[in-house]
Amino acid sequence: MISGVKDYSLKTLMIINQLKIIEQKVIAHENAHKAAGGELTGPTHYQYKKGPDGRMYIVGGDVPIHIQKGRTPEETLKIAEKIRAAALAPMDPSPQDVKVAAMATMMEIQAKLEIYKEKSEENKNFLDIYA
C-alpha cells in the first residue's frame, strides 16, 4: 500500500475519479463565464457532493451575470454583446446559458433599432435644413 493512499475498491476509485473530472469541468465552465463577462459577473457559487472518500467535490455551479441597460443605445449594445459572449463562453453551454445568450441577443437587436432610429432622425433633420 502506498503511504497516504487508502485501500479503496475499484468501484470507489472510479467514483472518486469521476467526481474529480466533473469538478474540473464545472470549474472550467464557470471560469469561462467569469473571464468573458468580467465586471458584469458576480461571485461564482458552487454545489458540492461528498465523495466516498469523505472529500467534498464540486458538481455544479453558476455565475450570475448582471443584465443591465447602458445609458445610451451604444453602451447597451456593448453590454449585450459582452453578456452574450459570457453566456456562450464555455465549450458546453447549458440550457440556462443559451437562454441568457438569447436575452442578450434581444437586447442587441433593440439597441441597434434605437441606434438606427436616432440616425434616421438625425438624417431627417439634416435633410430638412437643406430642403
Foldseek 3Di string as FASTA:
>chain_A
DDPPDDDDDPVLVVQVVVLVVQQVLQVQLAVQLCVLQPPQKDDKDFDWDQGPVRDTGTRHIDIDGHQDADPALVRQLVNLVSQLCSLPRRPDHDPVSVVSNVVSVVSNVVSVVVVVVVVVVVVVVVVVVVD
